[in-house]
């Protein structure tokens, strides 16, 4: 089974995955969530996730 990558340093997000018995690798990335300009929680979650994914993809390709 493949493990997912949690691109977050959040202990609470990691705990949620552990409690759900989901195997994962925690590898937080350097992404500035403060730069996200929205007050809509759903939009914030989407933009933060997308931004972290892009950083993680660049880092995995050695494109820091």
Protein backbone atom coordinates (compact mmCIF):
# COMPACT_ATOMS: atom_id res chain seq x y z
CA UNK A 1 0.00 0.00 0.00
CA UNK A 2 1.28 3.47 -0.86
CA UNK A 3 1.67 6.04 1.87
CA UNK A 4 0.43 9.55 1.46
CA UNK A 5 2.66 12.54 2.09
CA UNK A 6 1.42 15.00 4.68
CA UNK A 7 3.05 18.25 3.53
CA UNK A 8 2.33 19.87 6.87
CA UNK A 9 4.10 20.11 10.22
CA UNK A 10 0.75 20.14 12.03
CA UNK A 11 0.63 17.65 14.91
CA UNK A 12 -3.18 17.69 14.87
CA UNK A 13 -3.36 16.77 11.17
CA UNK A 14 -0.92 13.93 11.75
CA UNK A 15 -2.96 12.72 14.72
CA UNK A 16 -6.14 12.66 12.61
CA UNK A 17 -4.44 10.40 10.08
CA UNK A 18 -3.05 8.13 12.82
CA UNK A 19 -6.48 7.77 14.42
CA UNK A 20 -7.91 6.82 11.04
CA UNK A 21 -5.14 4.20 10.62
CA UNK A 22 -3.90 5.91 7.47
CA UNK A 23 -0.22 5.35 6.74
CA UNK A 24 1.58 8.56 5.89
CA UNK A 25 4.93 10.29 5.76
CA UNK A 26 5.01 13.71 7.38
CA UNK A 27 7.20 16.08 5.40
CA UNK A 28 6.29 19.69 6.10
CA UNK A 29 7.18 22.21 3.44
CA UNK A 30 8.04 25.90 3.63
CA UNK A 31 4.81 27.56 2.51
CA UNK A 32 3.60 30.95 3.75
CA UNK A 33 -0.08 30.50 4.62
CA UNK A 34 -0.21 34.15 5.75
CA UNK A 35 0.10 35.19 2.09
CA UNK A 36 -3.30 33.64 1.30
CA UNK A 37 -5.81 36.47 0.94
CA UNK A 38 -9.23 34.98 1.66
CA UNK A 39 -11.62 34.86 4.57
CA UNK A 40 -13.56 31.88 3.20
CA UNK A 41 -12.40 28.75 5.09
CA UNK A 42 -13.05 26.40 2.16
CA UNK A 43 -11.03 28.62 -0.19
CA UNK A 44 -8.22 28.92 2.35
CA UNK A 45 -8.00 25.14 2.75
CA UNK A 46 -7.93 24.66 -1.02
CA UNK A 47 -5.31 27.34 -1.66
CA UNK A 48 -3.08 26.19 1.20
CA UNK A 49 -3.27 22.57 0.05
CA UNK A 50 -2.56 23.52 -3.55
CA UNK A 51 0.36 25.74 -2.54
CA UNK A 52 1.91 23.07 -0.35
CA UNK A 53 1.51 20.51 -3.12
CA UNK A 54 3.35 22.75 -5.57
CA UNK A 55 6.22 23.30 -3.11
CA UNK A 56 6.42 19.56 -2.36
CA UNK A 57 6.50 18.73 -6.07
CA UNK A 58 9.30 21.24 -6.70
CA UNK A 59 11.29 19.94 -3.75
CA UNK A 60 10.91 16.31 -4.84
CA UNK A 61 12.33 17.31 -8.23
CA UNK A 62 15.18 19.24 -6.64
CA UNK A 63 13.83 22.59 -7.88
CA UNK A 64 14.06 24.56 -4.63
